[in-house]
Amino acid sequence: MRLFALASASGTSAGGIAGAIVIGVVLMALWLLPIAVAYHRRVRGIGMIVTVTLLLGWTLIGWVVALAMSFTSNVKPD
């Protein structure tokens, strides 16, 4: 019983490549979610959130910290 399908003799299947691209786009969107939330909420100090997300967002702890920072109440008035 195979757990993973092997690529065909001509190379990788188009469905496998498309699936990998979709998964990559979804993961990138989740990785950048703290920046999008901070931008939408107009949080002051968005530069720090961008920095933490880009440098430490690949770790779960860094991503959670950046997301928590994006939900602060320190927003710019309308």
N, C-alpha and C. Protein backbone atom coordinates (compact mmCIF):
# COMPACT_ATOMS: atom_id res chain seq x y z
N MET A 1 0.85 -1.19 0.00
CA MET A 1 0.00 0.00 0.00
C MET A 1 0.88 1.24 0.00
N ARG A 2 0.65 2.11 -0.94
CA ARG A 2 1.43 3.34 -1.02
C ARG A 2 0.73 4.46 -0.27
N LEU A 3 1.51 5.22 0.47
CA LEU A 3 0.95 6.38 1.15
C LEU A 3 0.95 7.60 0.25
N PHE A 4 1.93 7.70 -0.62
CA PHE A 4 2.05 8.83 -1.52
C PHE A 4 2.16 8.32 -2.95
N ALA A 5 1.47 8.99 -3.86
CA ALA A 5 1.56 8.60 -5.26
C ALA A 5 2.88 9.09 -5.83
N LEU A 6 3.52 8.24 -6.61
CA LEU A 6 4.77 8.64 -7.24
C LEU A 6 4.49 9.46 -8.48
N ALA A 7 5.42 10.32 -8.84
CA ALA A 7 5.28 11.13 -10.04
C ALA A 7 5.34 10.22 -11.26
N SER A 8 4.70 10.66 -12.33
CA SER A 8 4.73 9.88 -13.55
C SER A 8 6.11 9.92 -14.17
N ALA A 9 6.34 9.11 -15.19
CA ALA A 9 7.65 9.03 -15.82
C ALA A 9 8.04 10.34 -16.49
N SER A 10 7.06 11.14 -16.91
CA SER A 10 7.37 12.39 -17.60
C SER A 10 7.65 13.53 -16.63
N GLY A 11 7.52 13.33 -15.37
CA GLY A 11 7.75 14.39 -14.37
C GLY A 11 6.62 14.43 -13.38
N THR A 12 6.50 15.54 -12.70
CA THR A 12 5.44 15.68 -11.69
C THR A 12 4.12 15.98 -12.38
N SER A 13 3.06 15.59 -11.75
CA SER A 13 1.73 15.81 -12.31
C SER A 13 1.32 17.27 -12.15
N ALA A 14 0.48 17.75 -13.06
CA ALA A 14 0.02 19.13 -13.00
C ALA A 14 -0.82 19.36 -11.75
N GLY A 15 -1.59 18.35 -11.36
CA GLY A 15 -2.40 18.49 -10.16
C GLY A 15 -1.56 18.63 -8.90
N GLY A 16 -0.44 17.93 -8.87
CA GLY A 16 0.45 18.04 -7.73
C GLY A 16 1.10 19.40 -7.63
N ILE A 17 1.47 19.96 -8.77
CA ILE A 17 2.07 21.30 -8.78
C ILE A 17 1.04 22.34 -8.39
N ALA A 18 -0.16 22.24 -8.94
CA ALA A 18 -1.23 23.19 -8.62
C ALA A 18 -1.58 23.11 -7.14
N GLY A 19 -1.64 21.90 -6.61
CA GLY A 19 -1.93 21.74 -5.18
C GLY A 19 -0.85 22.34 -4.31
N ALA A 20 0.39 22.18 -4.71
CA ALA A 20 1.50 22.76 -3.95
C ALA A 20 1.45 24.27 -3.98
N ILE A 21 1.08 24.83 -5.13
CA ILE A 21 0.97 26.29 -5.24
C ILE A 21 -0.16 26.80 -4.35
N VAL A 22 -1.29 26.13 -4.37
CA VAL A 22 -2.43 26.55 -3.53
C VAL A 22 -2.05 26.48 -2.05
N ILE A 23 -1.42 25.41 -1.65
CA ILE A 23 -1.00 25.28 -0.25
C ILE A 23 0.00 26.37 0.10
N GLY A 24 0.93 26.66 -0.80
CA GLY A 24 1.91 27.71 -0.56
C GLY A 24 1.27 29.08 -0.40
N VAL A 25 0.28 29.38 -1.24
CA VAL A 25 -0.41 30.67 -1.15
C VAL A 25 -1.18 30.77 0.15
N VAL A 26 -1.85 29.71 0.55
CA VAL A 26 -2.61 29.72 1.81
C VAL A 26 -1.67 29.90 3.00
N LEU A 27 -0.54 29.19 3.01
CA LEU A 27 0.42 29.34 4.10
C LEU A 27 1.02 30.74 4.14
N MET A 28 1.29 31.33 2.98
CA MET A 28 1.82 32.69 2.93
C MET A 28 0.80 33.69 3.48
N ALA A 29 -0.48 33.49 3.12
CA ALA A 29 -1.53 34.37 3.63
C ALA A 29 -1.66 34.26 5.14
N LEU A 30 -1.58 33.05 5.67
CA LEU A 30 -1.62 32.88 7.13
C LEU A 30 -0.41 33.51 7.80
N TRP A 31 0.76 33.37 7.17
CA TRP A 31 1.99 33.94 7.73
C TRP A 31 1.88 35.46 7.81
N LEU A 32 1.27 36.09 6.81
CA LEU A 32 1.17 37.54 6.77
C LEU A 32 -0.11 38.07 7.41
N LEU A 33 -0.91 37.21 8.00
CA LEU A 33 -2.17 37.62 8.63
C LEU A 33 -1.99 38.71 9.69
N PRO A 34 -0.99 38.65 10.59
CA PRO A 34 -0.85 39.73 11.57
C PRO A 34 -0.65 41.11 10.93
N ILE A 35 0.07 41.17 9.81
CA ILE A 35 0.27 42.45 9.12
C ILE A 35 -1.05 42.95 8.55
N ALA A 36 -1.82 42.07 7.95
CA ALA A 36 -3.11 42.46 7.37
C ALA A 36 -4.08 42.94 8.44
N VAL A 37 -4.11 42.26 9.57
CA VAL A 37 -4.99 42.67 10.67
C VAL A 37 -4.58 44.04 11.21
N ALA A 38 -3.29 44.24 11.41
CA ALA A 38 -2.80 45.53 11.92
C ALA A 38 -3.09 46.65 10.93
N TYR A 39 -2.90 46.39 9.66
CA TYR A 39 -3.18 47.41 8.64
C TYR A 39 -4.67 47.75 8.61
N HIS A 40 -5.51 46.73 8.66
CA HIS A 40 -6.96 46.95 8.62
C HIS A 40 -7.45 47.70 9.84
N ARG A 41 -6.86 47.41 11.00
CA ARG A 41 -7.27 48.06 12.24
C ARG A 41 -6.59 49.40 12.46
N ARG A 42 -5.62 49.74 11.59
CA ARG A 42 -4.86 50.99 11.67
C ARG A 42 -4.11 51.10 13.00
N VAL A 43 -3.39 50.04 13.34
CA VAL A 43 -2.64 49.98 14.58
C VAL A 43 -1.39 50.86 14.48
N ARG A 44 -1.13 51.61 15.54
CA ARG A 44 0.12 52.38 15.60
C ARG A 44 1.27 51.42 15.82
N GLY A 45 2.41 51.74 15.27
CA GLY A 45 3.56 50.86 15.43
C GLY A 45 3.48 49.63 14.55
N ILE A 46 2.89 49.78 13.37
CA ILE A 46 2.75 48.63 12.48
C ILE A 46 4.13 48.15 12.01
N GLY A 47 5.11 49.04 12.04
CA GLY A 47 6.46 48.64 11.64
C GLY A 47 7.02 47.55 12.53
N MET A 48 6.73 47.61 13.81
CA MET A 48 7.19 46.57 14.73
C MET A 48 6.49 45.24 14.44
N ILE A 49 5.22 45.31 14.10
CA ILE A 49 4.48 44.09 13.78
C ILE A 49 5.02 43.47 12.50
N VAL A 50 5.33 44.30 11.51
CA VAL A 50 5.91 43.81 10.27
C VAL A 50 7.26 43.16 10.54
N THR A 51 8.07 43.80 11.38
CA THR A 51 9.40 43.27 11.70
C THR A 51 9.30 41.92 12.40
N VAL A 52 8.45 41.84 13.41
CA VAL A 52 8.30 40.58 14.15
C VAL A 52 7.76 39.49 13.24
N THR A 53 6.79 39.84 12.39
CA THR A 53 6.22 38.84 11.49
C THR A 53 7.25 38.33 10.49
N LEU A 54 8.01 39.23 9.89
CA LEU A 54 8.97 38.80 8.89
C LEU A 54 10.15 38.05 9.48
N LEU A 55 10.61 38.46 10.66
CA LEU A 55 11.78 37.82 11.26
C LEU A 55 11.46 36.60 12.11
N LEU A 56 10.35 36.65 12.84
CA LEU A 56 10.02 35.56 13.76
C LEU A 56 8.70 34.87 13.45
N GLY A 57 8.01 35.32 12.42
CA GLY A 57 6.70 34.76 12.10
C GLY A 57 6.74 33.31 11.67
N TRP A 58 7.90 32.82 11.24
CA TRP A 58 8.02 31.43 10.83
C TRP A 58 7.97 30.49 12.03
N THR A 59 8.19 31.02 13.24
CA THR A 59 8.02 30.22 14.44
C THR A 59 6.60 30.44 14.96
N LEU A 60 6.04 29.48 15.58
CA LEU A 60 4.68 29.63 16.10
C LEU A 60 4.60 30.71 17.16
N ILE A 61 5.59 30.77 18.03
CA ILE A 61 5.58 31.78 19.10
C ILE A 61 5.69 33.18 18.52
N GLY A 62 6.58 33.39 17.56
CA GLY A 62 6.73 34.70 16.95
C GLY A 62 5.48 35.12 16.22
N TRP A 63 4.82 34.18 15.54
CA TRP A 63 3.59 34.49 14.83
C TRP A 63 2.48 34.86 15.79
N VAL A 64 2.35 34.14 16.90
CA VAL A 64 1.32 34.44 17.89
C VAL A 64 1.57 35.80 18.53
N VAL A 65 2.83 36.12 18.81
CA VAL A 65 3.17 37.43 19.38
C VAL A 65 2.79 38.54 18.41
N ALA A 66 3.13 38.38 17.14
CA ALA A 66 2.79 39.39 16.13
C ALA A 66 1.27 39.53 15.99
N LEU A 67 0.55 38.42 16.03
CA LEU A 67 -0.91 38.48 15.93
C LEU A 67 -1.49 39.19 17.16
N ALA A 68 -0.96 38.90 18.33
CA ALA A 68 -1.44 39.58 19.55
C ALA A 68 -1.14 41.07 19.48
N MET A 69 0.02 41.43 18.95
CA MET A 69 0.36 42.85 18.80
C MET A 69 -0.60 43.54 17.84
N SER A 70 -1.08 42.83 16.83
CA SER A 70 -1.97 43.44 15.86
C SER A 70 -3.37 43.68 16.42
N PHE A 71 -3.71 43.02 17.52
CA PHE A 71 -5.01 43.21 18.15
C PHE A 71 -4.97 44.17 19.33
N THR A 72 -3.89 44.95 19.45
CA THR A 72 -3.81 45.92 20.56
C THR A 72 -4.85 47.02 20.36
N SER A 73 -5.13 47.74 21.43
CA SER A 73 -6.10 48.81 21.35
C SER A 73 -5.47 50.15 20.96
N ASN A 74 -4.18 50.14 20.66
CA ASN A 74 -3.47 51.37 20.28
C ASN A 74 -3.65 51.61 18.79
N VAL A 75 -4.84 52.11 18.43
CA VAL A 75 -5.15 52.35 17.03
C VAL A 75 -5.21 53.84 16.76
N LYS A 76 -5.01 54.22 15.49
CA LYS A 76 -5.09 55.61 15.09
C LYS A 76 -6.56 56.04 15.05
N PRO A 77 -6.86 57.24 15.53
CA PRO A 77 -8.27 57.68 15.49
C PRO A 77 -8.69 57.95 14.04
N ASP A 78 -9.98 57.80 13.79
CA ASP A 78 -10.51 58.04 12.43
C ASP A 78 -10.54 59.48 12.07
